[in-house]
Amino acid sequence: EDDRGNKVFLVDGKAMRVRDTFELKDTHGRVLIDIHQKMFALRDTMVIERDGEPLATIRRKRLSLLRNHYRVSLADRSTELDVSGKILDREFAVEYDGELLAVVSRRWLHVRETYGVDIVRDDADPALLIAVAVCVIHLAEKEREDD
């Protein structure tokens, strides 16, 4: 939902697949972004595609005691986003070159399994940033299950 409560996107998890797969859809059910686990990667990796073309790849960057870090490599190979914070607590930020693009938080909301994605820059791609949030949360949950 947007800040006025209007439905904007739907994240649809696809069951019964060989790899973890999600679709980000608009209000008309059109698929805007495909998200899937990269097969045969040394580390857990998620891939974001738009119209069948790679848009970004997400991998775990490093781990500290309190914060998880993920690197988002855009398809142009020259742009990287940094995702850091308490991913499992749904409290983290997405930055480009030290500039804040989005903040993910559940403190604004009172529904238990809900979190908000606040897009800070007007020229940012909301669908991409929501897909990034879905990926890093999925990867962090998967890591927790493996531990």
N, C-alpha and C. Protein backbone atom coordinates (compact mmCIF):
# COMPACT_ATOMS: atom_id res chain seq x y z
N GLU A 1 0.83 -1.18 0.00
CA GLU A 1 0.00 0.00 0.00
C GLU A 1 0.88 1.24 0.00
N ASP A 2 0.34 2.32 -0.55
CA ASP A 2 1.07 3.58 -0.48
C ASP A 2 0.72 4.29 0.83
N ASP A 3 1.21 5.52 1.00
CA ASP A 3 1.01 6.24 2.25
C ASP A 3 -0.45 6.64 2.48
N ARG A 4 -1.30 6.49 1.46
CA ARG A 4 -2.72 6.79 1.61
C ARG A 4 -3.57 5.53 1.75
N GLY A 5 -2.92 4.37 1.82
CA GLY A 5 -3.64 3.12 1.99
C GLY A 5 -4.11 2.47 0.70
N ASN A 6 -3.71 3.02 -0.44
CA ASN A 6 -4.08 2.43 -1.74
C ASN A 6 -3.17 1.26 -2.05
N LYS A 7 -3.73 0.17 -2.54
CA LYS A 7 -2.91 -0.97 -2.94
C LYS A 7 -2.09 -0.58 -4.16
N VAL A 8 -0.78 -0.91 -4.12
CA VAL A 8 0.12 -0.54 -5.20
C VAL A 8 0.83 -1.76 -5.77
N PHE A 9 1.37 -2.62 -4.90
CA PHE A 9 2.13 -3.79 -5.32
C PHE A 9 1.67 -5.02 -4.55
N LEU A 10 1.89 -6.18 -5.16
CA LEU A 10 1.67 -7.46 -4.51
C LEU A 10 2.92 -8.31 -4.73
N VAL A 11 3.46 -8.87 -3.66
CA VAL A 11 4.56 -9.82 -3.78
C VAL A 11 3.95 -11.21 -3.70
N ASP A 12 4.10 -11.96 -4.78
CA ASP A 12 3.51 -13.28 -4.91
C ASP A 12 4.61 -14.32 -4.86
N GLY A 13 4.65 -15.12 -3.78
CA GLY A 13 5.63 -16.20 -3.68
C GLY A 13 5.12 -17.40 -4.44
N LYS A 14 5.97 -18.00 -5.25
CA LYS A 14 5.58 -19.13 -6.07
C LYS A 14 6.02 -20.43 -5.38
N ALA A 15 5.05 -21.26 -5.08
CA ALA A 15 5.32 -22.55 -4.43
C ALA A 15 5.62 -23.61 -5.50
N MET A 16 6.12 -24.72 -5.04
CA MET A 16 6.37 -25.88 -5.89
C MET A 16 7.36 -25.59 -7.02
N ARG A 17 8.36 -24.83 -6.73
CA ARG A 17 9.41 -24.53 -7.71
C ARG A 17 10.72 -25.13 -7.20
N VAL A 18 11.63 -25.39 -8.12
CA VAL A 18 12.94 -25.92 -7.75
C VAL A 18 13.73 -24.89 -6.97
N ARG A 19 13.54 -23.62 -7.33
CA ARG A 19 14.25 -22.55 -6.64
C ARG A 19 13.23 -21.56 -6.08
N ASP A 20 13.69 -20.78 -5.10
CA ASP A 20 12.81 -19.78 -4.49
C ASP A 20 12.48 -18.72 -5.53
N THR A 21 11.17 -18.45 -5.71
CA THR A 21 10.72 -17.54 -6.75
C THR A 21 9.61 -16.64 -6.21
N PHE A 22 9.69 -15.35 -6.59
CA PHE A 22 8.66 -14.37 -6.23
C PHE A 22 8.36 -13.52 -7.47
N GLU A 23 7.16 -12.94 -7.48
CA GLU A 23 6.81 -11.97 -8.51
C GLU A 23 6.29 -10.73 -7.82
N LEU A 24 6.71 -9.57 -8.30
CA LEU A 24 6.17 -8.31 -7.83
C LEU A 24 5.18 -7.85 -8.89
N LYS A 25 3.90 -7.72 -8.48
CA LYS A 25 2.83 -7.40 -9.43
C LYS A 25 2.24 -6.03 -9.10
N ASP A 26 1.66 -5.40 -10.13
CA ASP A 26 0.95 -4.14 -9.92
C ASP A 26 -0.50 -4.45 -9.53
N THR A 27 -1.31 -3.43 -9.39
CA THR A 27 -2.70 -3.61 -8.93
C THR A 27 -3.57 -4.34 -9.96
N HIS A 28 -3.11 -4.43 -11.20
CA HIS A 28 -3.87 -5.14 -12.24
C HIS A 28 -3.38 -6.57 -12.41
N GLY A 29 -2.45 -7.00 -11.56
CA GLY A 29 -1.93 -8.36 -11.64
C GLY A 29 -0.81 -8.55 -12.65
N ARG A 30 -0.35 -7.47 -13.27
CA ARG A 30 0.76 -7.57 -14.22
C ARG A 30 2.06 -7.75 -13.46
N VAL A 31 2.89 -8.66 -13.92
CA VAL A 31 4.20 -8.90 -13.30
C VAL A 31 5.15 -7.77 -13.71
N LEU A 32 5.63 -7.05 -12.72
CA LEU A 32 6.60 -5.97 -12.96
C LEU A 32 8.03 -6.46 -12.84
N ILE A 33 8.24 -7.34 -11.86
CA ILE A 33 9.59 -7.83 -11.56
C ILE A 33 9.50 -9.29 -11.17
N ASP A 34 10.43 -10.09 -11.69
CA ASP A 34 10.61 -11.48 -11.28
C ASP A 34 11.81 -11.55 -10.36
N ILE A 35 11.67 -12.33 -9.29
CA ILE A 35 12.75 -12.49 -8.31
C ILE A 35 12.96 -13.99 -8.15
N HIS A 36 14.19 -14.43 -8.29
CA HIS A 36 14.45 -15.87 -8.10
C HIS A 36 15.85 -16.10 -7.56
N GLN A 37 16.00 -17.27 -6.99
CA GLN A 37 17.29 -17.69 -6.47
C GLN A 37 18.17 -18.09 -7.64
N LYS A 38 19.41 -17.65 -7.62
CA LYS A 38 20.35 -18.04 -8.67
C LYS A 38 20.82 -19.46 -8.39
N MET A 39 20.70 -20.28 -9.40
CA MET A 39 21.13 -21.68 -9.25
C MET A 39 22.65 -21.77 -9.41
N PHE A 40 23.24 -22.72 -8.71
CA PHE A 40 24.65 -23.05 -8.83
C PHE A 40 25.58 -21.89 -8.45
N ALA A 41 25.17 -21.06 -7.52
CA ALA A 41 26.03 -19.99 -7.02
C ALA A 41 26.76 -20.49 -5.79
N LEU A 42 27.99 -20.02 -5.58
CA LEU A 42 28.76 -20.43 -4.40
C LEU A 42 28.09 -19.95 -3.12
N ARG A 43 27.57 -18.72 -3.13
CA ARG A 43 26.84 -18.18 -1.99
C ARG A 43 25.39 -18.02 -2.41
N ASP A 44 24.49 -17.99 -1.42
CA ASP A 44 23.10 -17.72 -1.75
C ASP A 44 23.01 -16.39 -2.47
N THR A 45 22.36 -16.40 -3.61
CA THR A 45 22.24 -15.23 -4.46
C THR A 45 20.82 -15.17 -5.00
N MET A 46 20.26 -13.95 -5.02
CA MET A 46 18.95 -13.73 -5.62
C MET A 46 19.14 -12.84 -6.84
N VAL A 47 18.31 -13.06 -7.85
CA VAL A 47 18.37 -12.29 -9.09
C VAL A 47 17.02 -11.60 -9.29
N ILE A 48 17.08 -10.33 -9.66
CA ILE A 48 15.88 -9.55 -9.97
C ILE A 48 15.89 -9.29 -11.47
N GLU A 49 14.76 -9.60 -12.13
CA GLU A 49 14.64 -9.39 -13.57
C GLU A 49 13.41 -8.55 -13.87
N ARG A 50 13.51 -7.74 -14.91
CA ARG A 50 12.37 -6.97 -15.41
C ARG A 50 12.24 -7.29 -16.90
N ASP A 51 11.06 -7.73 -17.31
CA ASP A 51 10.81 -8.09 -18.72
C ASP A 51 11.82 -9.10 -19.24
N GLY A 52 12.19 -10.07 -18.39
CA GLY A 52 13.11 -11.12 -18.79
C GLY A 52 14.57 -10.72 -18.82
N GLU A 53 14.87 -9.48 -18.52
CA GLU A 53 16.25 -8.99 -18.53
C GLU A 53 16.75 -8.81 -17.11
N PRO A 54 17.99 -9.24 -16.83
CA PRO A 54 18.54 -9.05 -15.48
C PRO A 54 18.57 -7.58 -15.10
N LEU A 55 18.13 -7.30 -13.88
CA LEU A 55 18.13 -5.93 -13.36
C LEU A 55 19.14 -5.79 -12.22
N ALA A 56 19.22 -6.83 -11.36
CA ALA A 56 20.13 -6.76 -10.21
C ALA A 56 20.38 -8.15 -9.65
N THR A 57 21.51 -8.27 -8.95
CA THR A 57 21.89 -9.49 -8.24
C THR A 57 22.19 -9.11 -6.79
N ILE A 58 21.68 -9.91 -5.85
CA ILE A 58 21.85 -9.61 -4.43
C ILE A 58 22.61 -10.74 -3.76
N ARG A 59 23.67 -10.38 -3.03
CA ARG A 59 24.48 -11.34 -2.28
C ARG A 59 24.77 -10.77 -0.90
N ARG A 60 25.04 -11.65 0.02
CA ARG A 60 25.48 -11.22 1.34
C ARG A 60 26.87 -10.63 1.21
N LYS A 61 27.07 -9.48 1.81
CA LYS A 61 28.36 -8.79 1.72
C LYS A 61 29.28 -9.21 2.86
N ARG A 62 28.83 -8.98 4.07
CA ARG A 62 29.63 -9.36 5.24
C ARG A 62 28.70 -9.41 6.43
N LEU A 63 29.18 -9.99 7.51
CA LEU A 63 28.35 -10.11 8.70
C LEU A 63 29.09 -9.56 9.90
N SER A 64 28.42 -8.70 10.64
CA SER A 64 28.94 -8.27 11.93
C SER A 64 28.00 -8.84 12.99
N LEU A 65 28.27 -8.59 14.22
CA LEU A 65 27.46 -9.18 15.28
C LEU A 65 26.01 -8.70 15.27
N LEU A 66 25.78 -7.45 14.95
CA LEU A 66 24.44 -6.90 15.06
C LEU A 66 23.77 -6.59 13.73
N ARG A 67 24.55 -6.47 12.68
CA ARG A 67 23.97 -5.99 11.42
C ARG A 67 24.34 -6.91 10.27
N ASN A 68 23.39 -7.12 9.38
CA ASN A 68 23.65 -7.85 8.15
C ASN A 68 23.91 -6.85 7.04
N HIS A 69 24.78 -7.22 6.11
CA HIS A 69 25.11 -6.36 4.97
C HIS A 69 24.94 -7.16 3.69
N TYR A 70 24.27 -6.56 2.73
CA TYR A 70 24.09 -7.18 1.43
C TYR A 70 24.50 -6.20 0.36
N ARG A 71 25.00 -6.73 -0.74
CA ARG A 71 25.39 -5.91 -1.88
C ARG A 71 24.44 -6.21 -3.03
N VAL A 72 23.93 -5.14 -3.62
CA VAL A 72 23.05 -5.24 -4.78
C VAL A 72 23.83 -4.72 -5.97
N SER A 73 24.15 -5.62 -6.90
CA SER A 73 24.88 -5.22 -8.11
C SER A 73 23.86 -5.06 -9.23
N LEU A 74 23.73 -3.84 -9.74
CA LEU A 74 22.79 -3.61 -10.84
C LEU A 74 23.38 -4.15 -12.14
N ALA A 75 22.52 -4.40 -13.10
CA ALA A 75 22.93 -5.05 -14.35
C ALA A 75 23.97 -4.26 -15.11
N ASP A 76 24.03 -2.95 -14.91
CA ASP A 76 25.04 -2.15 -15.62
C ASP A 76 26.46 -2.42 -15.11
N ARG A 77 26.57 -3.20 -14.04
CA ARG A 77 27.84 -3.63 -13.44
C ARG A 77 28.67 -2.49 -12.84
N SER A 78 28.25 -1.25 -13.02
CA SER A 78 29.01 -0.15 -12.43
C SER A 78 28.29 0.45 -11.22
N THR A 79 27.06 0.01 -10.96
CA THR A 79 26.29 0.57 -9.86
C THR A 79 26.04 -0.50 -8.81
N GLU A 80 26.35 -0.17 -7.56
CA GLU A 80 26.08 -1.08 -6.46
C GLU A 80 25.33 -0.34 -5.37
N LEU A 81 24.35 -1.02 -4.80
CA LEU A 81 23.61 -0.52 -3.66
C LEU A 81 24.07 -1.30 -2.44
N ASP A 82 24.06 -0.65 -1.30
CA ASP A 82 24.44 -1.30 -0.04
C ASP A 82 23.20 -1.39 0.83
N VAL A 83 22.95 -2.59 1.36
CA VAL A 83 21.81 -2.81 2.25
C VAL A 83 22.39 -3.24 3.59
N SER A 84 22.05 -2.48 4.64
CA SER A 84 22.59 -2.84 5.95
C SER A 84 21.58 -2.50 7.04
N GLY A 85 21.69 -3.24 8.12
CA GLY A 85 20.82 -3.03 9.27
C GLY A 85 20.45 -4.36 9.88
N LYS A 86 19.38 -4.36 10.63
CA LYS A 86 18.87 -5.56 11.28
C LYS A 86 17.78 -6.15 10.38
N ILE A 87 18.22 -6.96 9.43
CA ILE A 87 17.32 -7.46 8.39
C ILE A 87 16.18 -8.27 8.99
N LEU A 88 16.49 -9.20 9.88
CA LEU A 88 15.44 -10.05 10.45
C LEU A 88 14.46 -9.28 11.31
N ASP A 89 14.89 -8.13 11.84
CA ASP A 89 13.98 -7.26 12.60
C ASP A 89 13.23 -6.29 11.69
N ARG A 90 13.49 -6.36 10.39
CA ARG A 90 12.87 -5.46 9.40
C ARG A 90 13.20 -3.99 9.70
N GLU A 91 14.46 -3.75 10.04
CA GLU A 91 14.95 -2.40 10.31
C GLU A 91 16.28 -2.24 9.57
N PHE A 92 16.21 -1.74 8.32
CA PHE A 92 17.44 -1.60 7.54
C PHE A 92 17.29 -0.51 6.50
N ALA A 93 18.41 -0.17 5.88
CA ALA A 93 18.45 0.92 4.90
C ALA A 93 19.09 0.43 3.61
N VAL A 94 18.69 1.06 2.51
CA VAL A 94 19.28 0.82 1.19
C VAL A 94 19.94 2.13 0.77
N GLU A 95 21.24 2.06 0.45
CA GLU A 95 22.00 3.25 0.08
C GLU A 95 22.73 3.06 -1.24
N TYR A 96 22.96 4.18 -1.90
CA TYR A 96 23.80 4.20 -3.09
C TYR A 96 24.88 5.25 -2.85
N ASP A 97 26.12 4.81 -2.84
CA ASP A 97 27.26 5.70 -2.69
C ASP A 97 27.11 6.60 -1.45
N GLY A 98 26.63 5.99 -0.36
CA GLY A 98 26.47 6.72 0.90
C GLY A 98 25.20 7.54 1.00
N GLU A 99 24.41 7.59 -0.06
CA GLU A 99 23.16 8.36 -0.05
C GLU A 99 21.98 7.42 0.18
N LEU A 100 21.13 7.78 1.12
CA LEU A 100 19.97 6.97 1.48
C LEU A 100 18.94 6.96 0.35
N LEU A 101 18.53 5.75 -0.06
CA LEU A 101 17.48 5.59 -1.07
C LEU A 101 16.16 5.17 -0.44
N ALA A 102 16.24 4.25 0.54
CA ALA A 102 15.02 3.73 1.16
C ALA A 102 15.33 3.24 2.56
N VAL A 103 14.30 3.30 3.41
CA VAL A 103 14.37 2.78 4.76
C VAL A 103 13.25 1.75 4.91
N VAL A 104 13.61 0.59 5.41
CA VAL A 104 12.63 -0.45 5.68
C VAL A 104 12.47 -0.54 7.19
N SER A 105 11.22 -0.47 7.64
CA SER A 105 10.98 -0.50 9.09
C SER A 105 9.60 -1.06 9.38
N ARG A 106 9.50 -1.70 10.52
CA ARG A 106 8.18 -2.14 10.96
C ARG A 106 7.67 -1.27 12.09
N ARG A 107 8.48 -0.33 12.56
CA ARG A 107 8.06 0.48 13.72
C ARG A 107 6.90 1.42 13.38
N TRP A 108 6.67 1.72 12.08
CA TRP A 108 5.57 2.61 11.71
C TRP A 108 4.23 1.90 11.74
N LEU A 109 4.27 0.57 11.74
CA LEU A 109 3.05 -0.22 11.55
C LEU A 109 2.75 -1.06 12.78
N HIS A 110 1.50 -1.38 12.96
CA HIS A 110 1.10 -2.14 14.14
C HIS A 110 0.68 -3.57 13.83
N VAL A 111 0.58 -3.92 12.56
CA VAL A 111 0.25 -5.29 12.18
C VAL A 111 1.52 -6.12 12.27
N ARG A 112 1.43 -7.30 12.87
CA ARG A 112 2.60 -8.07 13.25
C ARG A 112 3.59 -8.35 12.12
N GLU A 113 3.21 -9.01 11.08
CA GLU A 113 4.13 -9.40 10.02
C GLU A 113 4.16 -8.38 8.88
N THR A 114 4.11 -7.12 9.21
CA THR A 114 4.07 -6.06 8.22
C THR A 114 5.25 -5.13 8.41
N TYR A 115 5.76 -4.61 7.31
CA TYR A 115 6.82 -3.62 7.38
C TYR A 115 6.62 -2.62 6.25
N GLY A 116 7.17 -1.45 6.44
CA GLY A 116 7.06 -0.40 5.43
C GLY A 116 8.36 -0.18 4.71
N VAL A 117 8.27 0.24 3.46
CA VAL A 117 9.43 0.62 2.67
C VAL A 117 9.24 2.09 2.32
N ASP A 118 10.01 2.95 2.96
CA ASP A 118 9.93 4.38 2.73
C ASP A 118 10.97 4.75 1.67
N ILE A 119 10.49 5.10 0.48
CA ILE A 119 11.38 5.50 -0.61
C ILE A 119 11.74 6.97 -0.39
N VAL A 120 13.00 7.24 -0.14
CA VAL A 120 13.45 8.58 0.24
C VAL A 120 13.63 9.49 -0.97
N ARG A 121 14.19 8.96 -2.05
CA ARG A 121 14.45 9.77 -3.24
C ARG A 121 13.30 9.67 -4.23
N ASP A 122 12.89 10.80 -4.77
CA ASP A 122 11.78 10.83 -5.73
C ASP A 122 12.14 10.12 -7.04
N ASP A 123 13.41 10.11 -7.41
CA ASP A 123 13.80 9.49 -8.68
C ASP A 123 14.17 8.02 -8.54
N ALA A 124 13.98 7.44 -7.36
CA ALA A 124 14.29 6.03 -7.14
C ALA A 124 13.19 5.15 -7.74
N ASP A 125 13.52 3.92 -8.04
CA ASP A 125 12.59 2.95 -8.63
C ASP A 125 11.92 2.17 -7.49
N PRO A 126 10.67 2.49 -7.13
CA PRO A 126 10.02 1.82 -6.00
C PRO A 126 9.94 0.30 -6.16
N ALA A 127 9.62 -0.17 -7.36
CA ALA A 127 9.51 -1.61 -7.58
C ALA A 127 10.85 -2.31 -7.32
N LEU A 128 11.94 -1.72 -7.80
CA LEU A 128 13.26 -2.30 -7.56
C LEU A 128 13.58 -2.32 -6.07
N LEU A 129 13.32 -1.23 -5.36
CA LEU A 129 13.65 -1.18 -3.94
C LEU A 129 12.79 -2.14 -3.11
N ILE A 130 11.54 -2.32 -3.49
CA ILE A 130 10.71 -3.31 -2.81
C ILE A 130 11.24 -4.72 -3.10
N ALA A 131 11.63 -4.97 -4.34
CA ALA A 131 12.21 -6.27 -4.68
C ALA A 131 13.50 -6.53 -3.90
N VAL A 132 14.32 -5.50 -3.74
CA VAL A 132 15.55 -5.63 -2.95
C VAL A 132 15.21 -6.00 -1.51
N ALA A 133 14.21 -5.34 -0.92
CA ALA A 133 13.79 -5.65 0.45
C ALA A 133 13.33 -7.10 0.55
N VAL A 134 12.53 -7.56 -0.41
CA VAL A 134 12.07 -8.96 -0.41
C VAL A 134 13.25 -9.91 -0.46
N CYS A 135 14.23 -9.62 -1.31
CA CYS A 135 15.40 -10.49 -1.46
C CYS A 135 16.23 -10.58 -0.20
N VAL A 136 16.58 -9.45 0.39
CA VAL A 136 17.46 -9.50 1.56
C VAL A 136 16.76 -10.14 2.75
N ILE A 137 15.47 -9.90 2.90
CA ILE A 137 14.73 -10.56 3.98
C ILE A 137 14.70 -12.07 3.75
N HIS A 138 14.44 -12.48 2.52
CA HIS A 138 14.42 -13.91 2.20
C HIS A 138 15.79 -14.55 2.44
N LEU A 139 16.86 -13.89 1.97
CA LEU A 139 18.20 -14.44 2.18
C LEU A 139 18.56 -14.53 3.66
N ALA A 140 18.22 -13.50 4.44
CA ALA A 140 18.52 -13.52 5.88
C ALA A 140 17.75 -14.61 6.59
N GLU A 141 16.48 -14.79 6.23
CA GLU A 141 15.69 -15.88 6.85
C GLU A 141 16.24 -17.24 6.48
N LYS A 142 16.67 -17.39 5.25
CA LYS A 142 17.25 -18.65 4.81
C LYS A 142 18.55 -18.96 5.55
N GLU A 143 19.38 -17.92 5.76
CA GLU A 143 20.62 -18.10 6.52
C GLU A 143 20.31 -18.53 7.96
N ARG A 144 19.30 -17.90 8.56
CA ARG A 144 18.92 -18.27 9.92
C ARG A 144 18.48 -19.73 9.99
N GLU A 145 17.71 -20.18 9.01
CA GLU A 145 17.27 -21.58 8.98
C GLU A 145 18.44 -22.54 8.83
N ASP A 146 19.46 -22.14 8.07
CA ASP A 146 20.62 -22.99 7.83
C ASP A 146 21.54 -23.08 9.04
N ASP A 147 21.48 -22.07 9.92
CA ASP A 147 22.38 -22.05 11.11
C ASP A 147 21.93 -23.00 12.18
